[in-house]
PDB file of N, CA and C in Angstrom:
ATOM      1  N   MET A   1       4.343 -14.066  -1.912  1.00  0.00           N
ATOM      2  CA  MET A   1       3.833 -12.874  -1.259  1.00  0.00           C
ATOM      3  C   MET A   1       2.810 -12.214  -2.177  1.00  0.00           C
ATOM      4  N   LYS A   2       1.724 -11.770  -1.577  1.00  0.00           N
ATOM      5  CA  LYS A   2       0.670 -11.078  -2.325  1.00  0.00           C
ATOM      6  C   LYS A   2       0.624  -9.636  -1.838  1.00  0.00           C
ATOM      7  N   ILE A   3       0.717  -8.714  -2.791  1.00  0.00           N
ATOM      8  CA  ILE A   3       0.710  -7.303  -2.413  1.00  0.00           C
ATOM      9  C   ILE A   3      -0.437  -6.559  -3.091  1.00  0.00           C
ATOM     10  N   LEU A   4      -0.816  -5.475  -2.445  1.00  0.00           N
ATOM     11  CA  LEU A   4      -1.850  -4.580  -2.973  1.00  0.00           C
ATOM     12  C   LEU A   4      -1.260  -3.176  -2.995  1.00  0.00           C
ATOM     13  N   ILE A   5      -1.281  -2.554  -4.158  1.00  0.00           N
ATOM     14  CA  ILE A   5      -0.786  -1.188  -4.316  1.00  0.00           C
ATOM     15  C   ILE A   5      -1.984  -0.285  -4.577  1.00  0.00           C
ATOM     16  N   VAL A   6      -2.110   0.758  -3.753  1.00  0.00           N
ATOM     17  CA  VAL A   6      -3.251   1.665  -3.841  1.00  0.00           C
ATOM     18  C   VAL A   6      -2.728   3.069  -4.135  1.00  0.00           C
ATOM     19  N   ASP A   7      -3.110   3.600  -5.281  1.00  0.00           N
ATOM     20  CA  ASP A   7      -2.659   4.932  -5.692  1.00  0.00           C
ATOM     21  C   ASP A   7      -3.638   5.464  -6.733  1.00  0.00           C
ATOM     22  N   ASP A   8      -4.031   6.711  -6.607  1.00  0.00           N
ATOM     23  CA  ASP A   8      -4.965   7.293  -7.567  1.00  0.00           C
ATOM     24  C   ASP A   8      -4.273   7.777  -8.831  1.00  0.00           C
ATOM     25  N   CYS A   9      -2.949   7.753  -8.857  1.00  0.00           N
ATOM     26  CA  CYS A   9      -2.198   8.179 -10.046  1.00  0.00           C
ATOM     27  C   CYS A   9      -2.083   6.989 -11.001  1.00  0.00           C
ATOM     28  N   GLU A  10      -2.852   7.046 -12.063  1.00  0.00           N
ATOM     29  CA  GLU A  10      -2.886   5.933 -13.013  1.00  0.00           C
ATOM     30  C   GLU A  10      -1.539   5.694 -13.682  1.00  0.00           C
ATOM     31  N   ILE A  11      -0.751   6.735 -13.864  1.00  0.00           N
ATOM     32  CA  ILE A  11       0.587   6.584 -14.447  1.00  0.00           C
ATOM     33  C   ILE A  11       1.466   5.757 -13.504  1.00  0.00           C
ATOM     34  N   GLN A  12       1.406   6.072 -12.215  1.00  0.00           N
ATOM     35  CA  GLN A  12       2.174   5.328 -11.209  1.00  0.00           C
ATOM     36  C   GLN A  12       1.748   3.854 -11.207  1.00  0.00           C
ATOM     37  N   ILE A  13       0.450   3.625 -11.270  1.00  0.00           N
ATOM     38  CA  ILE A  13      -0.070   2.252 -11.302  1.00  0.00           C
ATOM     39  C   ILE A  13       0.443   1.518 -12.537  1.00  0.00           C
ATOM     40  N   GLU A  14       0.389   2.155 -13.692  1.00  0.00           N
ATOM     41  CA  GLU A  14       0.855   1.523 -14.934  1.00  0.00           C
ATOM     42  C   GLU A  14       2.333   1.178 -14.871  1.00  0.00           C
ATOM     43  N   LEU A  15       3.148   2.079 -14.325  1.00  0.00           N
ATOM     44  CA  LEU A  15       4.578   1.812 -14.185  1.00  0.00           C
ATOM     45  C   LEU A  15       4.824   0.594 -13.293  1.00  0.00           C
ATOM     46  N   MET A  16       4.097   0.511 -12.205  1.00  0.00           N
ATOM     47  CA  MET A  16       4.277  -0.625 -11.299  1.00  0.00           C
ATOM     48  C   MET A  16       3.754  -1.919 -11.903  1.00  0.00           C
ATOM     49  N   LYS A  17       2.657  -1.839 -12.669  1.00  0.00           N
ATOM     50  CA  LYS A  17       2.147  -3.029 -13.351  1.00  0.00           C
ATOM     51  C   LYS A  17       3.200  -3.579 -14.297  1.00  0.00           C
ATOM     52  N   ARG A  18       3.822  -2.689 -15.058  1.00  0.00           N
ATOM     53  CA  ARG A  18       4.870  -3.116 -16.006  1.00  0.00           C
ATOM     54  C   ARG A  18       6.039  -3.745 -15.268  1.00  0.00           C
ATOM     55  N   TYR A  19       6.472  -3.108 -14.199  1.00  0.00           N
ATOM     56  CA  TYR A  19       7.617  -3.618 -13.454  1.00  0.00           C
ATOM     57  C   TYR A  19       7.313  -5.003 -12.884  1.00  0.00           C
ATOM     58  N   PHE A  20       6.202  -5.133 -12.176  1.00  0.00           N
ATOM     59  CA  PHE A  20       5.899  -6.397 -11.510  1.00  0.00           C
ATOM     60  C   PHE A  20       5.493  -7.498 -12.481  1.00  0.00           C
ATOM     61  N   SER A  21       5.130  -7.160 -13.710  1.00  0.00           N
ATOM     62  CA  SER A  21       4.846  -8.202 -14.702  1.00  0.00           C
ATOM     63  C   SER A  21       6.148  -8.836 -15.202  1.00  0.00           C
ATOM     64  N   VAL A  22       7.245  -8.106 -15.109  1.00  0.00           N
ATOM     65  CA  VAL A  22       8.547  -8.609 -15.570  1.00  0.00           C
ATOM     66  C   VAL A  22       9.365  -9.175 -14.409  1.00  0.00           C
ATOM     67  N   PHE A  23       9.452  -8.421 -13.327  1.00  0.00           N
ATOM     68  CA  PHE A  23      10.271  -8.804 -12.180  1.00  0.00           C
ATOM     69  C   PHE A  23       9.369  -9.252 -11.038  1.00  0.00           C
ATOM     70  N   LYS A  24       9.377 -10.527 -10.759  1.00  0.00           N
ATOM     71  CA  LYS A  24       8.474 -11.086  -9.740  1.00  0.00           C
ATOM     72  C   LYS A  24       8.963 -10.825  -8.320  1.00  0.00           C
ATOM     73  N   GLU A  25      10.284 -10.854  -8.094  1.00  0.00           N
ATOM     74  CA  GLU A  25      10.851 -10.530  -6.778  1.00  0.00           C
ATOM     75  C   GLU A  25      10.186 -11.299  -5.641  1.00  0.00           C
ATOM     76  N   ASN A  26       9.923 -12.598  -5.846  1.00  0.00           N
ATOM     77  CA  ASN A  26       9.259 -13.441  -4.835  1.00  0.00           C
ATOM     78  C   ASN A  26       7.839 -12.959  -4.514  1.00  0.00           C
ATOM     79  N   ILE A  27       7.219 -12.319  -5.462  1.00  0.00           N
ATOM     80  CA  ILE A  27       5.857 -11.827  -5.295  1.00  0.00           C
ATOM     81  C   ILE A  27       4.953 -12.651  -6.210  1.00  0.00           C
ATOM     82  N   SER A  28       3.976 -13.319  -5.617  1.00  0.00           N
ATOM     83  CA  SER A  28       3.124 -14.207  -6.403  1.00  0.00           C
ATOM     84  C   SER A  28       1.950 -13.491  -7.063  1.00  0.00           C
ATOM     85  N   GLN A  29       1.434 -12.444  -6.396  1.00  0.00           N
ATOM     86  CA  GLN A  29       0.303 -11.689  -6.942  1.00  0.00           C
ATOM     87  C   GLN A  29       0.445 -10.223  -6.592  1.00  0.00           C
ATOM     88  N   VAL A  30       0.058  -9.391  -7.548  1.00  0.00           N
ATOM     89  CA  VAL A  30       0.021  -7.947  -7.298  1.00  0.00           C
ATOM     90  C   VAL A  30      -1.359  -7.446  -7.695  1.00  0.00           C
ATOM     91  N   HIS A  31      -2.053  -6.844  -6.750  1.00  0.00           N
ATOM     92  CA  HIS A  31      -3.352  -6.239  -7.001  1.00  0.00           C
ATOM     93  C   HIS A  31      -3.168  -4.725  -6.987  1.00  0.00           C
ATOM     94  N   PHE A  32      -4.038  -4.032  -7.705  1.00  0.00           N
ATOM     95  CA  PHE A  32      -3.975  -2.571  -7.775  1.00  0.00           C
ATOM     96  C   PHE A  32      -5.356  -1.986  -7.533  1.00  0.00           C
ATOM     97  N   ALA A  33      -5.381  -0.839  -6.858  1.00  0.00           N
ATOM     98  CA  ALA A  33      -6.631  -0.113  -6.631  1.00  0.00           C
ATOM     99  C   ALA A  33      -6.341   1.378  -6.761  1.00  0.00           C
ATOM    100  N   LEU A  34      -7.358   2.129  -7.205  1.00  0.00           N
ATOM    101  CA  LEU A  34      -7.205   3.571  -7.400  1.00  0.00           C
ATOM    102  C   LEU A  34      -7.641   4.396  -6.194  1.00  0.00           C
ATOM    103  N   ASN A  35      -8.242   3.727  -5.189  1.00  0.00           N
ATOM    104  CA  ASN A  35      -8.644   4.439  -3.966  1.00  0.00           C
ATOM    105  C   ASN A  35      -8.855   3.427  -2.848  1.00  0.00           C
ATOM    106  N   GLY A  36      -9.017   3.934  -1.643  1.00  0.00           N
ATOM    107  CA  GLY A  36      -9.154   3.075  -0.477  1.00  0.00           C
ATOM    108  C   GLY A  36     -10.382   2.184  -0.491  1.00  0.00           C
ATOM    109  N   GLU A  37     -11.461   2.693  -1.042  1.00  0.00           N
ATOM    110  CA  GLU A  37     -12.696   1.908  -1.098  1.00  0.00           C
ATOM    111  C   GLU A  37     -12.510   0.664  -1.965  1.00  0.00           C
ATOM    112  N   ASP A  38     -11.902   0.841  -3.135  1.00  0.00           N
ATOM    113  CA  ASP A  38     -11.617  -0.310  -3.999  1.00  0.00           C
ATOM    114  C   ASP A  38     -10.640  -1.263  -3.318  1.00  0.00           C
ATOM    115  N   ALA A  39      -9.690  -0.710  -2.570  1.00  0.00           N
ATOM    116  CA  ALA A  39      -8.712  -1.524  -1.853  1.00  0.00           C
ATOM    117  C   ALA A  39      -9.392  -2.419  -0.814  1.00  0.00           C
ATOM    118  N   ILE A  40     -10.352  -1.864  -0.090  1.00  0.00           N
ATOM    119  CA  ILE A  40     -11.085  -2.650   0.914  1.00  0.00           C
ATOM    120  C   ILE A  40     -11.769  -3.843   0.258  1.00  0.00           C
ATOM    121  N   ASP A  41     -12.376  -3.631  -0.909  1.00  0.00           N
ATOM    122  CA  ASP A  41     -13.023  -4.737  -1.621  1.00  0.00           C
ATOM    123  C   ASP A  41     -12.015  -5.834  -1.963  1.00  0.00           C
ATOM    124  N   ILE A  42     -10.837  -5.432  -2.401  1.00  0.00           N
ATOM    125  CA  ILE A  42      -9.791  -6.411  -2.743  1.00  0.00           C
ATOM    126  C   ILE A  42      -9.331  -7.146  -1.491  1.00  0.00           C
ATOM    127  N   ILE A  43      -9.120  -6.416  -0.398  1.00  0.00           N
ATOM    128  CA  ILE A  43      -8.656  -7.016   0.854  1.00  0.00           C
ATOM    129  C   ILE A  43      -9.683  -8.008   1.402  1.00  0.00           C
ATOM    130  N   LYS A  44     -10.964  -7.684   1.276  1.00  0.00           N
ATOM    131  CA  LYS A  44     -12.024  -8.582   1.766  1.00  0.00           C
ATOM    132  C   LYS A  44     -12.040  -9.906   1.014  1.00  0.00           C
ATOM    133  N   ASN A  45     -11.631  -9.879  -0.258  1.00  0.00           N
ATOM    134  CA  ASN A  45     -11.736 -11.063  -1.107  1.00  0.00           C
ATOM    135  C   ASN A  45     -10.417 -11.765  -1.386  1.00  0.00           C
ATOM    136  N   ASN A  46      -9.327 -11.282  -0.811  1.00  0.00           N
ATOM    137  CA  ASN A  46      -8.008 -11.852  -1.060  1.00  0.00           C
ATOM    138  C   ASN A  46      -7.175 -11.789   0.216  1.00  0.00           C
ATOM    139  N   THR A  47      -6.237 -12.684   0.336  1.00  0.00           N
ATOM    140  CA  THR A  47      -5.283 -12.615   1.439  1.00  0.00           C
ATOM    141  C   THR A  47      -4.120 -11.752   0.964  1.00  0.00           C
ATOM    142  N   ILE A  48      -3.996 -10.581   1.547  1.00  0.00           N
ATOM    143  CA  ILE A  48      -2.950  -9.642   1.162  1.00  0.00           C
ATOM    144  C   ILE A  48      -1.879  -9.659   2.247  1.00  0.00           C
ATOM    145  N   ASP A  49      -0.622  -9.839   1.832  1.00  0.00           N
ATOM    146  CA  ASP A  49       0.492  -9.847   2.777  1.00  0.00           C
ATOM    147  C   ASP A  49       1.026  -8.444   3.031  1.00  0.00           C
ATOM    148  N   THR A  50       1.055  -7.634   1.974  1.00  0.00           N
ATOM    149  CA  THR A  50       1.594  -6.275   2.093  1.00  0.00           C
ATOM    150  C   THR A  50       0.693  -5.287   1.375  1.00  0.00           C
ATOM    151  N   LEU A  51       0.273  -4.278   2.097  1.00  0.00           N
ATOM    152  CA  LEU A  51      -0.523  -3.179   1.558  1.00  0.00           C
ATOM    153  C   LEU A  51       0.396  -1.979   1.396  1.00  0.00           C
ATOM    154  N   ILE A  52       0.458  -1.454   0.180  1.00  0.00           N
ATOM    155  CA  ILE A  52       1.250  -0.256  -0.097  1.00  0.00           C
ATOM    156  C   ILE A  52       0.260   0.808  -0.550  1.00  0.00           C
ATOM    157  N   THR A  53       0.141   1.874   0.230  1.00  0.00           N
ATOM    158  CA  THR A  53      -0.895   2.853  -0.078  1.00  0.00           C
ATOM    159  C   THR A  53      -0.390   4.284  -0.097  1.00  0.00           C
ATOM    160  N   ASP A  54      -0.919   5.029  -1.039  1.00  0.00           N
ATOM    161  CA  ASP A  54      -0.749   6.471  -1.075  1.00  0.00           C
ATOM    162  C   ASP A  54      -1.662   7.049   0.005  1.00  0.00           C
ATOM    163  N   LEU A  55      -1.443   8.293   0.357  1.00  0.00           N
ATOM    164  CA  LEU A  55      -2.296   8.921   1.369  1.00  0.00           C
ATOM    165  C   LEU A  55      -3.398   9.769   0.748  1.00  0.00           C
ATOM    166  N   ASN A  56      -3.046  10.606  -0.213  1.00  0.00           N
ATOM    167  CA  ASN A  56      -4.011  11.550  -0.792  1.00  0.00           C
ATOM    168  C   ASN A  56      -4.695  10.948  -2.005  1.00  0.00           C
ATOM    169  N   MET A  57      -5.940  10.485  -1.786  1.00  0.00           N
ATOM    170  CA  MET A  57      -6.716   9.877  -2.861  1.00  0.00           C
ATOM    171  C   MET A  57      -8.178  10.264  -2.702  1.00  0.00           C
ATOM    172  N   PRO A  58      -8.914  10.249  -3.808  1.00  0.00           N
ATOM    173  CA  PRO A  58     -10.359  10.517  -3.713  1.00  0.00           C
ATOM    174  C   PRO A  58     -11.098   9.300  -3.163  1.00  0.00           C
ATOM    175  N   VAL A  59     -12.353   9.455  -2.902  1.00  0.00           N
ATOM    176  CA  VAL A  59     -13.276   8.420  -2.426  1.00  0.00           C
ATOM    177  C   VAL A  59     -12.942   8.010  -0.992  1.00  0.00           C
ATOM    178  N   MET A  60     -11.808   7.337  -0.793  1.00  0.00           N
ATOM    179  CA  MET A  60     -11.312   7.018   0.557  1.00  0.00           C
ATOM    180  C   MET A  60      -9.805   7.219   0.542  1.00  0.00           C
ATOM    181  N   ASP A  61      -9.319   8.103   1.410  1.00  0.00           N
ATOM    182  CA  ASP A  61      -7.882   8.387   1.440  1.00  0.00           C
ATOM    183  C   ASP A  61      -7.121   7.254   2.135  1.00  0.00           C
ATOM    184  N   GLY A  62      -5.791   7.324   2.044  1.00  0.00           N
ATOM    185  CA  GLY A  62      -4.948   6.274   2.591  1.00  0.00           C
ATOM    186  C   GLY A  62      -5.014   6.139   4.100  1.00  0.00           C
ATOM    187  N   LEU A  63      -5.125   7.244   4.806  1.00  0.00           N
ATOM    188  CA  LEU A  63      -5.190   7.183   6.262  1.00  0.00           C
ATOM    189  C   LEU A  63      -6.481   6.497   6.720  1.00  0.00           C
ATOM    190  N   THR A  64      -7.584   6.808   6.063  1.00  0.00           N
ATOM    191  CA  THR A  64      -8.857   6.147   6.372  1.00  0.00           C
ATOM    192  C   THR A  64      -8.771   4.658   6.043  1.00  0.00           C
ATOM    193  N   LEU A  65      -8.120   4.333   4.937  1.00  0.00           N
ATOM    194  CA  LEU A  65      -7.911   2.935   4.560  1.00  0.00           C
ATOM    195  C   LEU A  65      -7.111   2.210   5.642  1.00  0.00           C
ATOM    196  N   ILE A  66      -6.015   2.810   6.080  1.00  0.00           N
ATOM    197  CA  ILE A  66      -5.172   2.189   7.103  1.00  0.00           C
ATOM    198  C   ILE A  66      -5.975   1.960   8.383  1.00  0.00           C
ATOM    199  N   ARG A  67      -6.728   2.967   8.803  1.00  0.00           N
ATOM    200  CA  ARG A  67      -7.538   2.826  10.018  1.00  0.00           C
ATOM    201  C   ARG A  67      -8.569   1.712   9.875  1.00  0.00           C
ATOM    202  N   SER A  68      -9.171   1.605   8.703  1.00  0.00           N
ATOM    203  CA  SER A  68     -10.167   0.567   8.462  1.00  0.00           C
ATOM    204  C   SER A  68      -9.525  -0.819   8.501  1.00  0.00           C
ATOM    205  N   VAL A  69      -8.375  -0.958   7.880  1.00  0.00           N
ATOM    206  CA  VAL A  69      -7.669  -2.244   7.857  1.00  0.00           C
ATOM    207  C   VAL A  69      -7.302  -2.669   9.276  1.00  0.00           C
ATOM    208  N   ILE A  70      -6.839  -1.721  10.086  1.00  0.00           N
ATOM    209  CA  ILE A  70      -6.465  -2.028  11.470  1.00  0.00           C
ATOM    210  C   ILE A  70      -7.706  -2.400  12.281  1.00  0.00           C
ATOM    211  N   LYS A  71      -8.737  -1.580  12.151  1.00  0.00           N
ATOM    212  CA  LYS A  71      -9.961  -1.789  12.946  1.00  0.00           C
ATOM    213  C   LYS A  71     -10.637  -3.111  12.610  1.00  0.00           C
ATOM    214  N   GLU A  72     -10.751  -3.408  11.316  1.00  0.00           N
ATOM    215  CA  GLU A  72     -11.456  -4.618  10.885  1.00  0.00           C
ATOM    216  C   GLU A  72     -10.590  -5.865  10.983  1.00  0.00           C
ATOM    217  N   ASP A  73      -9.270  -5.683  11.101  1.00  0.00           N
ATOM    218  CA  ASP A  73      -8.334  -6.790  11.275  1.00  0.00           C
ATOM    219  C   ASP A  73      -8.504  -7.852  10.184  1.00  0.00           C
ATOM    220  N   TYR A  74      -8.464  -7.418   8.930  1.00  0.00           N
ATOM    221  CA  TYR A  74      -8.624  -8.336   7.796  1.00  0.00           C
ATOM    222  C   TYR A  74      -7.526  -9.392   7.768  1.00  0.00           C
ATOM    223  N   ASN A  75      -6.323  -8.980   8.086  1.00  0.00           N
ATOM    224  CA  ASN A  75      -5.190  -9.891   8.129  1.00  0.00           C
ATOM    225  C   ASN A  75      -4.233  -9.334   9.174  1.00  0.00           C
ATOM    226  N   GLN A  76      -4.181  -9.988  10.308  1.00  0.00           N
ATOM    227  CA  GLN A  76      -3.402  -9.495  11.439  1.00  0.00           C
ATOM    228  C   GLN A  76      -1.927  -9.322  11.088  1.00  0.00           C
ATOM    229  N   ASN A  77      -1.426 -10.115  10.145  1.00  0.00           N
ATOM    230  CA  ASN A  77      -0.010 -10.070   9.776  1.00  0.00           C
ATOM    231  C   ASN A  77       0.277  -9.191   8.564  1.00  0.00           C
ATOM    232  N   MET A  78      -0.739  -8.502   8.054  1.00  0.00           N
ATOM    233  CA  MET A  78      -0.540  -7.660   6.880  1.00  0.00           C
ATOM    234  C   MET A  78       0.418  -6.508   7.200  1.00  0.00           C
ATOM    235  N   ARG A  79       1.429  -6.374   6.365  1.00  0.00           N
ATOM    236  CA  ARG A  79       2.352  -5.255   6.508  1.00  0.00           C
ATOM    237  C   ARG A  79       1.756  -4.065   5.766  1.00  0.00           C
ATOM    238  N   ILE A  80       1.944  -2.880   6.305  1.00  0.00           N
ATOM    239  CA  ILE A  80       1.439  -1.653   5.675  1.00  0.00           C
ATOM    240  C   ILE A  80       2.617  -0.738   5.391  1.00  0.00           C
ATOM    241  N   ILE A  81       2.722  -0.337   4.128  1.00  0.00           N
ATOM    242  CA  ILE A  81       3.746   0.611   3.703  1.00  0.00           C
ATOM    243  C   ILE A  81       3.040   1.841   3.158  1.00  0.00           C
ATOM    244  N   VAL A  82       3.445   2.998   3.627  1.00  0.00           N
ATOM    245  CA  VAL A  82       2.840   4.259   3.204  1.00  0.00           C
ATOM    246  C   VAL A  82       3.758   4.915   2.182  1.00  0.00           C
ATOM    247  N   MET A  83       3.182   5.303   1.038  1.00  0.00           N
ATOM    248  CA  MET A  83       3.941   6.046   0.032  1.00  0.00           C
ATOM    249  C   MET A  83       3.204   7.345  -0.246  1.00  0.00           C
ATOM    250  N   SER A  84       3.950   8.432  -0.300  1.00  0.00           N
ATOM    251  CA  SER A  84       3.301   9.720  -0.534  1.00  0.00           C
ATOM    252  C   SER A  84       4.337  10.763  -0.905  1.00  0.00           C
ATOM    253  N   ALA A  85       3.905  11.750  -1.663  1.00  0.00           N
ATOM    254  CA  ALA A  85       4.760  12.891  -1.969  1.00  0.00           C
ATOM    255  C   ALA A  85       4.765  13.871  -0.801  1.00  0.00           C
ATOM    256  N   GLU A  86       3.800  13.711   0.071  1.00  0.00           N
ATOM    257  CA  GLU A  86       3.642  14.639   1.193  1.00  0.00           C
ATOM    258  C   GLU A  86       3.608  13.871   2.503  1.00  0.00           C
ATOM    259  N   LEU A  87       4.708  13.194   2.809  1.00  0.00           N
ATOM    260  CA  LEU A  87       4.752  12.415   4.044  1.00  0.00           C
ATOM    261  C   LEU A  87       4.886  13.340   5.241  1.00  0.00           C
ATOM    262  N   GLU A  88       3.897  13.307   6.071  1.00  0.00           N
ATOM    263  CA  GLU A  88       3.937  14.064   7.318  1.00  0.00           C
ATOM    264  C   GLU A  88       3.608  13.085   8.429  1.00  0.00           C
ATOM    265  N   TYR A  89       4.638  12.721   9.176  1.00  0.00           N
ATOM    266  CA  TYR A  89       4.497  11.695  10.197  1.00  0.00           C
ATOM    267  C   TYR A  89       3.559  12.116  11.322  1.00  0.00           C
ATOM    268  N   ASN A  90       3.378  13.421  11.509  1.00  0.00           N
ATOM    269  CA  ASN A  90       2.484  13.871  12.583  1.00  0.00           C
ATOM    270  C   ASN A  90       1.014  13.630  12.241  1.00  0.00           C
ATOM    271  N   ASN A  91       0.716  13.173  11.021  1.00  0.00           N
ATOM    272  CA  ASN A  91      -0.655  12.818  10.656  1.00  0.00           C
ATOM    273  C   ASN A  91      -1.065  11.486  11.282  1.00  0.00           C
ATOM    274  N   PHE A  92      -0.076  10.720  11.737  1.00  0.00           N
ATOM    275  CA  PHE A  92      -0.342   9.389  12.264  1.00  0.00           C
ATOM    276  C   PHE A  92      -0.378   9.431  13.789  1.00  0.00           C
ATOM    277  N   THR A  93      -1.298   8.671  14.343  1.00  0.00           N
ATOM    278  CA  THR A  93      -1.452   8.627  15.796  1.00  0.00           C
ATOM    279  C   THR A  93      -0.824   7.339  16.331  1.00  0.00           C
ATOM    280  N   ASP A  94      -0.835   7.200  17.631  1.00  0.00           N
ATOM    281  CA  ASP A  94      -0.337   5.982  18.259  1.00  0.00           C
ATOM    282  C   ASP A  94      -1.172   4.764  17.863  1.00  0.00           C
ATOM    283  N   PHE A  95      -2.364   5.003  17.311  1.00  0.00           N
ATOM    284  CA  PHE A  95      -3.213   3.921  16.831  1.00  0.00           C
ATOM    285  C   PHE A  95      -2.652   3.326  15.538  1.00  0.00           C
ATOM    286  N   GLU A  96      -2.219   4.181  14.606  1.00  0.00           N
ATOM    287  CA  GLU A  96      -1.750   3.695  13.301  1.00  0.00           C
ATOM    288  C   GLU A  96      -0.271   3.300  13.300  1.00  0.00           C
ATOM    289  N   LEU A  97       0.573   4.089  13.950  1.00  0.00           N
ATOM    290  CA  LEU A  97       2.020   3.910  13.831  1.00  0.00           C
ATOM    291  C   LEU A  97       2.524   2.494  14.104  1.00  0.00           C
ATOM    292  N   PRO A  98       2.054   1.818  15.143  1.00  0.00           N
ATOM    293  CA  PRO A  98       2.575   0.459  15.376  1.00  0.00           C
ATOM    294  C   PRO A  98       2.273  -0.532  14.250  1.00  0.00           C
ATOM    295  N   HIS A  99       1.301  -0.221  13.413  1.00  0.00           N
ATOM    296  CA  HIS A  99       0.887  -1.120  12.339  1.00  0.00           C
ATOM    297  C   HIS A  99       1.570  -0.808  11.009  1.00  0.00           C
ATOM    298  N   ILE A 100       2.308   0.282  10.947  1.00  0.00           N
ATOM    299  CA  ILE A 100       2.947   0.697   9.695  1.00  0.00           C
ATOM    300  C   ILE A 100       4.378   0.176   9.676  1.00  0.00           C
ATOM    301  N   SER A 101       4.687  -0.600   8.624  1.00  0.00           N
ATOM    302  CA  SER A 101       6.007  -1.229   8.505  1.00  0.00           C
ATOM    303  C   SER A 101       7.040  -0.314   7.880  1.00  0.00           C
ATOM    304  N   GLY A 102       6.581   0.670   7.102  1.00  0.00           N
ATOM    305  CA  GLY A 102       7.548   1.538   6.452  1.00  0.00           C
ATOM    306  C   GLY A 102       6.897   2.688   5.725  1.00  0.00           C
ATOM    307  N   PHE A 103       7.736   3.641   5.402  1.00  0.00           N
ATOM    308  CA  PHE A 103       7.325   4.835   4.674  1.00  0.00           C
ATOM    309  C   PHE A 103       8.262   5.012   3.487  1.00  0.00           C
ATOM    310  N   ILE A 104       7.715   5.455   2.356  1.00  0.00           N
ATOM    311  CA  ILE A 104       8.538   5.773   1.195  1.00  0.00           C
ATOM    312  C   ILE A 104       7.972   7.040   0.564  1.00  0.00           C
ATOM    313  N   GLU A 105       8.865   7.968   0.289  1.00  0.00           N
ATOM    314  CA  GLU A 105       8.441   9.262  -0.229  1.00  0.00           C
ATOM    315  C   GLU A 105       8.565   9.290  -1.748  1.00  0.00           C
ATOM    316  N   LYS A 106       7.518   9.786  -2.401  1.00  0.00           N
ATOM    317  CA  LYS A 106       7.519   9.951  -3.859  1.00  0.00           C
ATOM    318  C   LYS A 106       8.328  11.192  -4.220  1.00  0.00           C
ATOM    319  N   PRO A 107       9.025  11.185  -5.305  1.00  0.00           N
ATOM    320  CA  PRO A 107       9.256  10.045  -6.199  1.00  0.00           C
ATOM    321  C   PRO A 107      10.266   9.077  -5.580  1.00  0.00           C
ATOM    322  N   PHE A 108      10.123   7.809  -5.912  1.00  0.00           N
ATOM    323  CA  PHE A 108      11.043   6.792  -5.400  1.00  0.00           C
ATOM    324  C   PHE A 108      11.416   5.859  -6.538  1.00  0.00           C
ATOM    325  N   SER A 109      12.499   5.147  -6.352  1.00  0.00           N
ATOM    326  CA  SER A 109      12.894   4.161  -7.359  1.00  0.00           C
ATOM    327  C   SER A 109      12.225   2.831  -7.011  1.00  0.00           C
ATOM    328  N   ILE A 110      12.031   2.009  -8.006  1.00  0.00           N
ATOM    329  CA  ILE A 110      11.417   0.708  -7.776  1.00  0.00           C
ATOM    330  C   ILE A 110      12.319  -0.128  -6.875  1.00  0.00           C
ATOM    331  N   LYS A 111      13.637   0.073  -6.956  1.00  0.00           N
ATOM    332  CA  LYS A 111      14.572  -0.648  -6.089  1.00  0.00           C
ATOM    333  C   LYS A 111      14.310  -0.296  -4.617  1.00  0.00           C
ATOM    334  N   GLN A 112      14.030   0.968  -4.332  1.00  0.00           N
ATOM    335  CA  GLN A 112      13.727   1.378  -2.964  1.00  0.00           C
ATOM    336  C   GLN A 112      12.459   0.683  -2.468  1.00  0.00           C
ATOM    337  N   LEU A 113      11.460   0.612  -3.336  1.00  0.00           N
ATOM    338  CA  LEU A 113      10.189  -0.014  -2.956  1.00  0.00           C
ATOM    339  C   LEU A 113      10.387  -1.509  -2.713  1.00  0.00           C
ATOM    340  N   ILE A 114      11.102  -2.176  -3.596  1.00  0.00           N
ATOM    341  CA  ILE A 114      11.350  -3.624  -3.450  1.00  0.00           C
ATOM    342  C   ILE A 114      12.109  -3.902  -2.152  1.00  0.00           C
ATOM    343  N   LYS A 115      13.086  -3.073  -1.850  1.00  0.00           N
ATOM    344  CA  LYS A 115      13.850  -3.242  -0.608  1.00  0.00           C
ATOM    345  C   LYS A 115      12.919  -3.124   0.607  1.00  0.00           C
ATOM    346  N   LEU A 116      12.032  -2.171   0.562  1.00  0.00           N
ATOM    347  CA  LEU A 116      11.089  -1.959   1.666  1.00  0.00           C
ATOM    348  C   LEU A 116      10.093  -3.131   1.769  1.00  0.00           C
ATOM    349  N   ILE A 117       9.646  -3.633   0.635  1.00  0.00           N
ATOM    350  CA  ILE A 117       8.717  -4.766   0.627  1.00  0.00           C
ATOM    351  C   ILE A 117       9.346  -5.971   1.291  1.00  0.00           C
ATOM    352  N   HIS A 118      10.626  -6.204   1.040  1.00  0.00           N
ATOM    353  CA  HIS A 118      11.295  -7.409   1.527  1.00  0.00           C
ATOM    354  C   HIS A 118      11.977  -7.239   2.878  1.00  0.00           C
ATOM    355  N   MET A 119      11.788  -6.096   3.536  1.00  0.00           N
ATOM    356  CA  MET A 119      12.404  -5.909   4.852  1.00  0.00           C
ATOM    357  C   MET A 119      11.680  -6.714   5.902  1.00  0.00           C
TER     358      MET A 119
END
C-alpha cells in the first residue's frame, strides 16, 4: 500500500516519518506533503492508495485538495482519510462525502491512524 500524508505541521510530519520508517504495517511507500498543491504533484507522479489529509493548510487547503482529487479522478480507488483538529462534517457536501473513507480528529494516536488506514 502506498500512502500520502498531507499536513502543514512539520512536527506532525516528522513524527509520522519516524513511525513509518520503523513500522511498515503492510505499507510499501509513504509520501509526505506540506500542502495540497505539493500533494497534487505527488499524486500526479505516483499511484497513491490512501490519501490522508489535514484540512487547514496554506497554499491549497485539504478540502480543495479533496475536490481536486475527486474531479480529476487520479486514482478511482484512492481512499481519502481526513485528519483535523477542527473536524466539522457540515463543511463537506454530497460531492465529497461519498469519497471519504474516514475521519480522524487531532490529536490522535498512531494506532488509531493505522486502524483507519487498514479498514
